[in-house]
Amino acid sequence: MEDRSNLALGIRRSAEMAAVFMIGDGLLGMLQPQRHIELWRSDVGAVDALVRPFAGRPRRRRAYGALQLGAGVLLASVLKR
C-alpha cells in the first residue's frame, strides 16, 4: 500500500513541477518575448521547430505565454483537490 502512496505522491509532485514550469515559462514569454525566443533558438531542428513560429512575432509569443500561464494555474488548482 505504501508503494502506491509513494507513486501517487511522485505523480502529484511531477505534475506540480510541470505547472511551475508552465507558469514561469509563460510569464517570461509574456514579459520578455524577444529575449526568451532568442534564448531557445537552436541548431537542433526539433528544438528550433518549437520556437520558430514565434520568431519575429512577440505578440504571438505573449499570447502563447498567457495560455501557458492559465494552463499552469489550472493544473495546479486541479492538484489542490
N, C-alpha and C. Protein backbone atom coordinates (compact mmCIF):
# COMPACT_ATOMS: atom_id res chain seq x y z
N MET A 1 0.82 -1.20 0.00
CA MET A 1 0.00 0.00 0.00
C MET A 1 0.87 1.26 0.00
N GLU A 2 1.98 1.20 0.72
CA GLU A 2 2.86 2.36 0.79
C GLU A 2 3.46 2.68 -0.58
N ASP A 3 3.73 1.63 -1.38
CA ASP A 3 4.27 1.86 -2.73
C ASP A 3 3.31 2.67 -3.58
N ARG A 4 2.01 2.36 -3.49
CA ARG A 4 1.00 3.11 -4.24
C ARG A 4 0.96 4.56 -3.77
N SER A 5 1.05 4.73 -2.48
CA SER A 5 1.02 6.07 -1.91
C SER A 5 2.23 6.88 -2.38
N ASN A 6 3.40 6.24 -2.40
CA ASN A 6 4.61 6.92 -2.88
C ASN A 6 4.52 7.24 -4.37
N LEU A 7 3.94 6.31 -5.14
CA LEU A 7 3.77 6.55 -6.57
C LEU A 7 2.82 7.72 -6.81
N ALA A 8 1.73 7.75 -6.09
CA ALA A 8 0.76 8.84 -6.22
C ALA A 8 1.41 10.18 -5.86
N LEU A 9 2.20 10.18 -4.81
CA LEU A 9 2.90 11.40 -4.41
C LEU A 9 3.88 11.84 -5.49
N GLY A 10 4.60 10.89 -6.06
CA GLY A 10 5.55 11.20 -7.13
C GLY A 10 4.85 11.79 -8.35
N ILE A 11 3.69 11.24 -8.69
CA ILE A 11 2.93 11.76 -9.82
C ILE A 11 2.45 13.18 -9.54
N ARG A 12 1.95 13.41 -8.34
CA ARG A 12 1.48 14.75 -7.98
C ARG A 12 2.63 15.77 -7.99
N ARG A 13 3.78 15.35 -7.49
CA ARG A 13 4.93 16.26 -7.50
C ARG A 13 5.38 16.56 -8.92
N SER A 14 5.38 15.56 -9.78
CA SER A 14 5.76 15.77 -11.18
C SER A 14 4.79 16.73 -11.87
N ALA A 15 3.51 16.55 -11.60
CA ALA A 15 2.50 17.45 -12.18
C ALA A 15 2.68 18.87 -11.64
N GLU A 16 3.01 18.98 -10.38
CA GLU A 16 3.26 20.31 -9.79
C GLU A 16 4.46 20.98 -10.45
N MET A 17 5.53 20.19 -10.70
CA MET A 17 6.70 20.75 -11.37
C MET A 17 6.34 21.21 -12.79
N ALA A 18 5.50 20.45 -13.47
CA ALA A 18 5.06 20.85 -14.81
C ALA A 18 4.28 22.16 -14.74
N ALA A 19 3.43 22.30 -13.73
CA ALA A 19 2.65 23.53 -13.57
C ALA A 19 3.58 24.71 -13.30
N VAL A 20 4.57 24.52 -12.45
CA VAL A 20 5.52 25.59 -12.14
C VAL A 20 6.29 26.00 -13.41
N PHE A 21 6.70 25.01 -14.20
CA PHE A 21 7.40 25.31 -15.46
C PHE A 21 6.50 26.09 -16.41
N MET A 22 5.26 25.65 -16.55
CA MET A 22 4.33 26.32 -17.46
C MET A 22 4.08 27.77 -17.03
N ILE A 23 3.92 27.98 -15.74
CA ILE A 23 3.67 29.33 -15.22
C ILE A 23 4.89 30.22 -15.46
N GLY A 24 6.07 29.72 -15.11
CA GLY A 24 7.29 30.51 -15.27
C GLY A 24 7.62 30.79 -16.72
N ASP A 25 7.54 29.77 -17.56
CA ASP A 25 7.84 29.94 -18.98
C ASP A 25 6.83 30.88 -19.63
N GLY A 26 5.58 30.73 -19.25
CA GLY A 26 4.54 31.62 -19.79
C GLY A 26 4.77 33.06 -19.40
N LEU A 27 5.12 33.27 -18.13
CA LEU A 27 5.35 34.63 -17.64
C LEU A 27 6.55 35.27 -18.34
N LEU A 28 7.64 34.53 -18.47
CA LEU A 28 8.81 35.07 -19.18
C LEU A 28 8.49 35.35 -20.64
N GLY A 29 7.72 34.47 -21.26
CA GLY A 29 7.33 34.68 -22.64
C GLY A 29 6.45 35.91 -22.82
N MET A 30 5.68 36.24 -21.80
CA MET A 30 4.83 37.43 -21.87
C MET A 30 5.63 38.70 -21.62
N LEU A 31 6.53 38.65 -20.66
CA LEU A 31 7.26 39.86 -20.26
C LEU A 31 8.46 40.18 -21.15
N GLN A 32 9.14 39.13 -21.64
CA GLN A 32 10.35 39.32 -22.44
C GLN A 32 10.32 38.39 -23.65
N PRO A 33 9.37 38.57 -24.54
CA PRO A 33 9.21 37.60 -25.63
C PRO A 33 10.42 37.48 -26.54
N GLN A 34 11.02 38.58 -26.96
CA GLN A 34 12.16 38.50 -27.88
C GLN A 34 13.34 37.80 -27.24
N ARG A 35 13.68 38.20 -26.02
CA ARG A 35 14.81 37.59 -25.33
C ARG A 35 14.58 36.09 -25.14
N HIS A 36 13.36 35.75 -24.76
CA HIS A 36 13.03 34.35 -24.50
C HIS A 36 13.10 33.51 -25.78
N ILE A 37 12.62 34.06 -26.88
CA ILE A 37 12.67 33.36 -28.16
C ILE A 37 14.12 33.16 -28.59
N GLU A 38 14.91 34.22 -28.52
CA GLU A 38 16.31 34.14 -28.93
C GLU A 38 17.08 33.13 -28.09
N LEU A 39 16.79 33.05 -26.82
CA LEU A 39 17.46 32.09 -25.94
C LEU A 39 17.24 30.66 -26.40
N TRP A 40 16.04 30.37 -26.88
CA TRP A 40 15.68 28.99 -27.23
C TRP A 40 15.90 28.65 -28.70
N ARG A 41 16.33 29.61 -29.53
CA ARG A 41 16.67 29.25 -30.91
C ARG A 41 17.82 28.26 -30.87
N SER A 42 17.83 27.29 -31.79
CA SER A 42 18.80 26.21 -31.70
C SER A 42 19.16 25.67 -33.09
N ASP A 43 20.35 25.09 -33.19
CA ASP A 43 20.76 24.39 -34.40
C ASP A 43 20.11 23.01 -34.48
N VAL A 44 19.57 22.56 -33.37
CA VAL A 44 18.86 21.27 -33.34
C VAL A 44 17.46 21.52 -33.91
N GLY A 45 17.18 20.90 -35.03
CA GLY A 45 15.94 21.15 -35.76
C GLY A 45 14.68 20.98 -34.94
N ALA A 46 14.62 19.91 -34.14
CA ALA A 46 13.41 19.65 -33.35
C ALA A 46 13.18 20.74 -32.31
N VAL A 47 14.25 21.23 -31.71
CA VAL A 47 14.13 22.29 -30.70
C VAL A 47 13.73 23.60 -31.39
N ASP A 48 14.40 23.91 -32.48
CA ASP A 48 14.11 25.16 -33.17
C ASP A 48 12.69 25.18 -33.75
N ALA A 49 12.19 24.02 -34.13
CA ALA A 49 10.82 23.94 -34.67
C ALA A 49 9.79 24.40 -33.65
N LEU A 50 10.09 24.21 -32.37
CA LEU A 50 9.16 24.65 -31.32
C LEU A 50 9.15 26.17 -31.17
N VAL A 51 10.26 26.80 -31.47
CA VAL A 51 10.42 28.24 -31.25
C VAL A 51 10.16 29.05 -32.52
N ARG A 52 10.45 28.46 -33.66
CA ARG A 52 10.37 29.17 -34.95
C ARG A 52 9.05 29.90 -35.18
N PRO A 53 7.89 29.34 -34.82
CA PRO A 53 6.63 30.07 -35.08
C PRO A 53 6.53 31.42 -34.36
N PHE A 54 7.37 31.62 -33.34
CA PHE A 54 7.31 32.86 -32.56
C PHE A 54 8.37 33.88 -32.98
N ALA A 55 9.33 33.46 -33.80
CA ALA A 55 10.42 34.36 -34.21
C ALA A 55 9.85 35.57 -34.94
N GLY A 56 10.20 36.75 -34.46
CA GLY A 56 9.73 37.99 -35.06
C GLY A 56 8.26 38.29 -34.80
N ARG A 57 7.65 37.52 -33.90
CA ARG A 57 6.22 37.71 -33.59
C ARG A 57 6.02 37.78 -32.06
N PRO A 58 6.45 38.85 -31.44
CA PRO A 58 6.35 38.93 -29.98
C PRO A 58 4.91 38.86 -29.46
N ARG A 59 3.96 39.39 -30.21
CA ARG A 59 2.56 39.32 -29.74
C ARG A 59 2.07 37.87 -29.72
N ARG A 60 2.49 37.10 -30.70
CA ARG A 60 2.12 35.68 -30.72
C ARG A 60 2.71 34.97 -29.51
N ARG A 61 3.97 35.29 -29.18
CA ARG A 61 4.62 34.66 -28.02
C ARG A 61 3.94 35.09 -26.73
N ARG A 62 3.54 36.35 -26.65
CA ARG A 62 2.83 36.82 -25.46
C ARG A 62 1.50 36.10 -25.29
N ALA A 63 0.79 35.91 -26.39
CA ALA A 63 -0.50 35.20 -26.33
C ALA A 63 -0.29 33.76 -25.89
N TYR A 64 0.73 33.11 -26.44
CA TYR A 64 1.03 31.74 -26.04
C TYR A 64 1.45 31.70 -24.57
N GLY A 65 2.20 32.71 -24.13
CA GLY A 65 2.59 32.79 -22.73
C GLY A 65 1.39 32.90 -21.81
N ALA A 66 0.40 33.68 -22.21
CA ALA A 66 -0.83 33.79 -21.41
C ALA A 66 -1.54 32.45 -21.34
N LEU A 67 -1.54 31.72 -22.45
CA LEU A 67 -2.15 30.39 -22.48
C LEU A 67 -1.40 29.44 -21.55
N GLN A 68 -0.07 29.47 -21.59
CA GLN A 68 0.74 28.63 -20.70
C GLN A 68 0.48 28.98 -19.24
N LEU A 69 0.44 30.25 -18.95
CA LEU A 69 0.20 30.70 -17.58
C LEU A 69 -1.15 30.19 -17.08
N GLY A 70 -2.18 30.37 -17.88
CA GLY A 70 -3.51 29.90 -17.49
C GLY A 70 -3.56 28.39 -17.31
N ALA A 71 -2.93 27.66 -18.24
CA ALA A 71 -2.93 26.20 -18.14
C ALA A 71 -2.17 25.73 -16.91
N GLY A 72 -1.06 26.39 -16.59
CA GLY A 72 -0.29 26.02 -15.41
C GLY A 72 -1.06 26.26 -14.12
N VAL A 73 -1.75 27.39 -14.05
CA VAL A 73 -2.57 27.70 -12.86
C VAL A 73 -3.72 26.70 -12.76
N LEU A 74 -4.33 26.38 -13.89
CA LEU A 74 -5.42 25.40 -13.89
C LEU A 74 -4.92 24.04 -13.41
N LEU A 75 -3.79 23.60 -13.92
CA LEU A 75 -3.22 22.32 -13.49
C LEU A 75 -2.94 22.33 -11.99
N ALA A 76 -2.34 23.40 -11.49
CA ALA A 76 -2.05 23.48 -10.06
C ALA A 76 -3.33 23.49 -9.23
N SER A 77 -4.37 24.13 -9.72
CA SER A 77 -5.62 24.18 -8.95
C SER A 77 -6.30 22.82 -8.93
N VAL A 78 -6.17 22.05 -9.99
CA VAL A 78 -6.73 20.69 -10.01
C VAL A 78 -5.98 19.81 -9.02
N LEU A 79 -4.69 20.02 -8.88
CA LEU A 79 -3.88 19.22 -7.95
C LEU A 79 -4.24 19.51 -6.50
N LYS A 80 -4.81 20.66 -6.25
CA LYS A 80 -5.16 21.07 -4.89
C LYS A 80 -6.23 20.16 -4.29
N ARG A 81 -7.06 19.59 -5.14
CA ARG A 81 -8.18 18.77 -4.67
C ARG A 81 -7.76 17.45 -4.13
